[in-house]
Every structure is written in structure tokens, then in C-alpha cells.
Protein backbone atom coordinates (compact mmCIF):
# COMPACT_ATOMS: atom_id res chain seq x y z
CA MET A 1 123.01 -52.36 63.97
CA GLU A 2 121.23 -49.28 65.35
CA ALA A 3 117.85 -50.95 64.94
CA ALA A 4 119.15 -54.03 66.78
CA THR A 5 120.24 -51.94 69.78
CA ASP A 6 117.17 -49.73 69.90
CA PHE A 7 115.28 -50.63 73.10
CA SER A 8 112.60 -47.96 72.99
CA MET A 9 108.99 -49.04 73.56
CA TRP A 10 108.08 -48.58 69.93
CA ALA A 11 111.16 -50.48 68.71
CA LEU A 12 110.40 -53.39 71.04
CA PHE A 13 106.80 -53.47 69.80
CA ALA A 14 107.86 -53.25 66.15
CA ARG A 15 110.29 -56.19 66.49
CA ALA A 16 107.84 -58.43 68.34
CA THR A 17 106.07 -61.32 66.61
CA ILE A 18 102.45 -61.02 65.47
CA ALA A 19 101.15 -62.96 68.50
CA VAL A 20 103.05 -60.76 70.98
CA LYS A 21 101.95 -57.60 69.14
CA LEU A 22 98.34 -58.77 69.39
CA VAL A 23 98.75 -59.35 73.13
CA MET A 24 100.24 -55.87 73.58
CA ILE A 25 97.43 -54.23 71.61
CA ILE A 26 94.81 -56.05 73.71
CA LEU A 27 96.49 -54.93 76.93
CA ILE A 28 96.80 -51.31 75.79
CA PHE A 29 93.11 -51.30 74.80
CA ALA A 30 92.17 -52.87 78.17
CA SER A 31 94.17 -50.22 80.02
CA ILE A 32 92.47 -47.37 78.13
CA TRP A 33 89.05 -48.96 78.74
CA CYS A 34 89.78 -49.25 82.47
CA TRP A 35 90.80 -45.62 82.78
CA ALA A 36 87.64 -44.57 80.90
CA VAL A 37 85.53 -46.55 83.38
CA ILE A 38 87.48 -45.15 86.34
CA VAL A 39 86.97 -41.52 85.26
CA ASP A 40 83.28 -42.12 84.44
CA LYS A 41 82.59 -43.77 87.81
CA TRP A 42 84.53 -41.10 89.69
CA VAL A 43 82.39 -38.35 88.15
CA GLN A 44 79.16 -40.35 88.59
CA TYR A 45 79.82 -41.06 92.27
CA LYS A 46 80.75 -37.46 92.97
CA ARG A 47 77.46 -36.31 91.44
CA ALA A 48 75.51 -38.97 93.35
CA ARG A 49 76.99 -37.89 96.69
CA PHE A 50 76.30 -34.23 95.94
CA GLU A 51 72.71 -34.97 94.88
CA ALA A 52 72.07 -37.12 97.96
CA SER A 53 73.42 -34.41 100.27
CA ARG A 54 71.33 -31.70 98.62
CA PHE A 55 68.14 -33.78 98.69
CA ASP A 56 68.75 -34.79 102.30
CA ARG A 57 68.81 -31.12 103.30
CA ALA A 58 65.56 -30.51 101.41
CA PHE A 59 63.90 -33.59 102.92
CA TRP A 60 64.73 -32.60 106.50
CA SER A 61 64.05 -28.89 105.98
CA GLY A 62 60.56 -29.20 107.45
CA GLU A 63 58.75 -28.78 104.13
CA PRO A 64 55.65 -31.01 103.87
CA LEU A 65 56.42 -34.24 101.99
CA ASP A 66 53.52 -33.72 99.60
CA GLY A 67 54.86 -30.29 98.72
CA LEU A 68 58.36 -31.68 98.19
CA PHE A 69 56.98 -34.42 95.95
CA ASP A 70 54.95 -31.92 93.90
CA GLU A 71 58.10 -29.86 93.52
CA ILE A 72 60.34 -32.65 92.17
CA GLY A 73 57.59 -34.48 90.23
CA PRO A 74 57.00 -38.22 89.67
CA THR A 75 60.02 -38.66 87.34
CA PRO A 76 62.94 -36.78 88.92
CA LYS A 77 66.52 -37.06 87.71
CA GLY A 78 68.31 -37.43 91.04
CA GLN A 79 68.88 -40.87 92.54
CA SER A 80 67.64 -40.02 96.04
CA GLN A 81 64.71 -38.17 94.51
CA LYS A 82 63.75 -41.28 92.53
CA ILE A 83 63.64 -43.38 95.71
CA PHE A 84 61.55 -40.74 97.45
CA ALA A 85 59.24 -40.45 94.43
CA ALA A 86 58.77 -44.24 94.31
CA GLY A 87 57.61 -44.22 97.93
CA MET A 88 55.35 -41.20 97.50
CA ILE A 89 53.72 -42.55 94.33
CA GLU A 90 52.83 -45.79 96.09
CA TRP A 91 51.69 -43.83 99.14
CA ARG A 92 49.23 -41.82 97.04
CA ARG A 93 48.06 -44.87 95.10
CA SER A 94 47.31 -46.62 98.38
CA HIS A 95 44.61 -44.07 99.29
CA ARG A 96 41.03 -44.85 98.32
CA GLN A 97 38.60 -42.25 97.02
CA ASP A 98 37.08 -41.87 100.50
CA GLY A 99 40.48 -41.10 102.02
CA GLY A 100 41.01 -44.53 103.56
CA LEU A 101 44.07 -46.71 102.94
CA ILE A 102 44.21 -49.94 100.96
CA ALA A 103 45.46 -52.84 103.09
CA GLY A 104 49.17 -53.68 102.80
CA ALA A 105 50.22 -50.12 101.95
CA GLN A 106 53.38 -50.22 104.07
CA ALA A 107 54.68 -53.39 102.40
CA ARG A 108 54.00 -52.01 98.92
CA ILE A 109 55.76 -48.72 99.72
CA ASP A 110 58.82 -50.59 101.03
CA ARG A 111 58.94 -52.81 97.94
CA SER A 112 58.63 -49.81 95.62
CA MET A 113 61.58 -48.10 97.27
CA ASP A 114 63.60 -51.35 97.30
CA VAL A 115 63.08 -51.67 93.54
CA ALA A 116 64.19 -48.06 93.02
CA ILE A 117 67.30 -48.65 95.17
CA ALA A 118 68.13 -51.81 93.22
CA LYS A 119 67.92 -49.91 89.93
CA GLU A 120 70.18 -47.14 91.21
CA ALA A 121 72.65 -49.69 92.61
CA GLY A 122 72.79 -51.35 89.20
CA ARG A 123 73.61 -48.02 87.56
CA LEU A 124 76.32 -47.27 90.11
CA GLN A 125 77.96 -50.67 89.69
CA ARG A 126 77.75 -50.75 85.90
CA GLY A 127 81.28 -50.93 84.49
CA LEU A 128 82.93 -52.22 87.66
CA PRO A 129 83.02 -55.83 86.33
CA VAL A 130 85.30 -54.52 83.56
CA LEU A 131 87.85 -53.46 86.18
CA ALA A 132 87.56 -56.79 87.98
CA THR A 133 88.00 -58.75 84.74
CA VAL A 134 91.00 -56.75 83.57
CA GLY A 135 92.58 -56.84 87.02
CA SER A 136 92.37 -60.63 87.19
CA THR A 137 93.20 -61.53 83.58
CA ALA A 138 95.66 -58.88 82.31
CA PRO A 139 98.71 -60.33 84.12
CA PHE A 140 98.02 -63.76 82.59
CA ILE A 141 97.52 -62.30 79.12
CA GLY A 142 100.81 -60.45 79.50
CA LEU A 143 102.48 -63.63 80.76
CA PHE A 144 101.22 -65.49 77.70
CA GLY A 145 102.84 -62.85 75.49
CA THR A 146 106.07 -63.16 77.47
CA VAL A 147 106.16 -66.94 77.21
CA TRP A 148 105.46 -66.76 73.48
CA GLY A 149 108.15 -64.10 72.97
CA ILE A 150 110.78 -66.01 74.97
CA MET A 151 109.97 -69.17 73.06
CA ASN A 152 110.60 -67.38 69.78
CA ALA A 153 113.78 -65.83 71.22
CA PHE A 154 115.15 -69.28 72.04
CA ILE A 155 114.17 -70.56 68.60
CA GLU A 156 116.12 -67.68 67.05
CA ILE A 157 119.12 -68.47 69.27
CA ALA A 158 119.02 -72.09 68.18
CA GLU A 159 118.80 -71.14 64.51
CA GLN A 160 121.74 -68.71 64.75
CA GLN A 161 123.64 -70.98 67.16
CA ASN A 162 124.78 -67.89 69.00
CA THR A 163 124.21 -67.24 72.74
CA ASN A 164 125.78 -63.78 72.67
CA LEU A 165 123.90 -61.31 74.90
CA ALA A 166 123.42 -58.98 71.93
CA VAL A 167 121.40 -61.74 70.27
CA VAL A 168 119.47 -62.83 73.36
CA ALA A 169 118.65 -59.45 74.93
CA PRO A 170 116.32 -57.96 72.25
CA GLY A 171 114.03 -61.01 72.18
CA ILE A 172 113.85 -61.22 75.99
CA ALA A 173 113.15 -57.47 76.26
CA GLU A 174 110.31 -57.72 73.72
CA ALA A 175 108.81 -60.62 75.64
CA LEU A 176 109.03 -58.90 79.02
CA LEU A 177 107.33 -55.81 77.62
CA ALA A 178 104.11 -57.85 77.38
CA THR A 179 104.25 -58.66 81.10
CA GLY A 180 104.93 -55.00 81.88
CA LEU A 181 101.87 -53.92 79.91
CA GLY A 182 99.79 -56.57 81.65
CA LEU A 183 100.79 -55.26 85.06
CA MET A 184 100.28 -51.67 83.91
CA ALA A 185 96.66 -52.55 83.03
CA ALA A 186 95.98 -54.80 86.03
CA ILE A 187 97.36 -52.77 88.96
CA PRO A 188 95.19 -49.63 88.48
CA ALA A 189 92.19 -51.83 87.66
CA VAL A 190 92.46 -53.75 90.95
CA ILE A 191 93.14 -50.65 93.06
CA PHE A 192 90.25 -48.63 91.62
CA TYR A 193 87.88 -51.62 91.57
CA ASN A 194 88.27 -51.95 95.34
CA LYS A 195 88.00 -48.19 95.86
CA LEU A 196 84.98 -47.69 93.60
CA SER A 197 83.20 -50.79 94.92
CA ALA A 198 83.53 -49.43 98.46
CA ASP A 199 82.26 -46.01 97.31
CA SER A 200 79.30 -47.64 95.55
CA ASP A 201 78.42 -49.64 98.67
CA ARG A 202 78.53 -46.50 100.82
CA ILE A 203 76.24 -44.62 98.44
CA VAL A 204 73.75 -47.51 98.28
CA ASN A 205 73.85 -47.85 102.08
CA GLY A 206 72.95 -44.17 102.24
CA TYR A 207 69.94 -44.79 99.97
CA GLU A 208 68.84 -47.70 102.13
CA ALA A 209 69.17 -45.64 105.30
CA PHE A 210 67.10 -42.86 103.74
CA ALA A 211 64.45 -45.38 102.61
CA ASP A 212 64.24 -46.79 106.15
CA GLU A 213 63.83 -43.31 107.64
CA PHE A 214 61.21 -42.37 105.05
CA SER A 215 59.39 -45.67 105.61
CA THR A 216 59.33 -44.96 109.35
CA ILE A 217 57.75 -41.55 108.75
CA LEU A 218 55.08 -43.05 106.48
CA SER A 219 54.47 -45.87 108.96
CA ARG A 220 53.83 -43.26 111.64
CA GLN A 221 51.30 -41.60 109.32
CA LEU A 222 49.64 -44.94 108.61
CA ASP A 223 49.29 -45.74 112.31
CA SER A 224 47.76 -42.37 113.03
């Protein structure tokens, strides 16, 4: 009798059918996965903003660009540094032995930086599709578990031929737990997907703005 009236989370899970238990396990795993992605992206974006701010100060400090490039090297770790290095590498490759420039240097420099930005954007957005997928599918997975649980609850009522609330309530509670878990996984996933997507776009826009400014400086050098 005590087991029948136990409505704790574990008791509801233990009494659920195999199909509903499987749905609950999937939703719990999806929720943990989402939070892992959220924490990882939060840390990654914070580092990216800090690195971009630090490199921006170094870039506009008045130090010669060649000296800055020699300092960070051709394979830097920072995202902004990689975009700068891509442009500088192509800039140096575009010079002939006699000091002249190979035709089409500006277009090649712009493409090199665009490729570097695309790679960094891909790294920033990696994992976000997980949040979008969980946010859109978790409520339906939970609803499937609820429908399955309620169906079994009604079957049990029919077999016992008893509509007493004490008989109906446990089965309904077990079924609704699946919907609750689905919402618990989906709501944070949707909220943080929108937040992190906006943060990623802002960071990438910053890279593109820097690339445009750097390209303008190199264009001025080319024209002179």
C-alpha cells in the first residue's frame, strides 16, 4: 500500500512501463547533453571575446604589422590572430623576389581571411544544433511517453474494472512525468540556443569587421 501511494520521482520511474522508462532515460540524457554543450559554449565564447579584445588592443597599438605577425607566428592559437595571420601570410606570398606584387593580391588576401573566419565560425557554432534538436523534439518525445503511459493506465483500469482515483492516479502521474522531463530538457535548450546563437553571430561579426579594417589597411599599402 505504501508503494502504491509513493509519488516520488524514483517511485514513478520504477513503476513506469519499459517504453516510458526508455523515454525518460532518453530525455534525462538529452538534458545532461544540453547542459554540457551550454557550459562548453559559454566558456568558449568568453575566451573568444577576451582574446579578440586583447588582440584588438595589440593590433591598434601602433606596432608595425610585420612585427606583430613575427611575434604571434604563422600558426597562432587565438581566433582573431588566425584571421590576421591568414591575411599576412597571403600578403607576404604575394610579393615577388624583386619586391613587386603579384596581380590579384587584394582578392587573395580577402579570400584567405574569409576562409579563416568561416573555420572559426564553424568552431563557435559546433554543438548548437544539439540544442536546437533537443529543444524542438524533447516535448514530443515526452508527449509520446505520456500517451503510452496513459494508454497503459486505461488498460489497467479496464482490467481491474475499477475507476477509483487511487487506481487511476499512479498511472496518470507516471505518464505525466515523461512530459515534465521533456519540457525540462526543451526549455533550457531553446533559451540557450537563442542566446548562444546571438553571441556566436556577434563574435563572428566582430571577426568580419576586423577583417574589413585589416583589408582596408593592406589595400592602402597596395595602392601606395
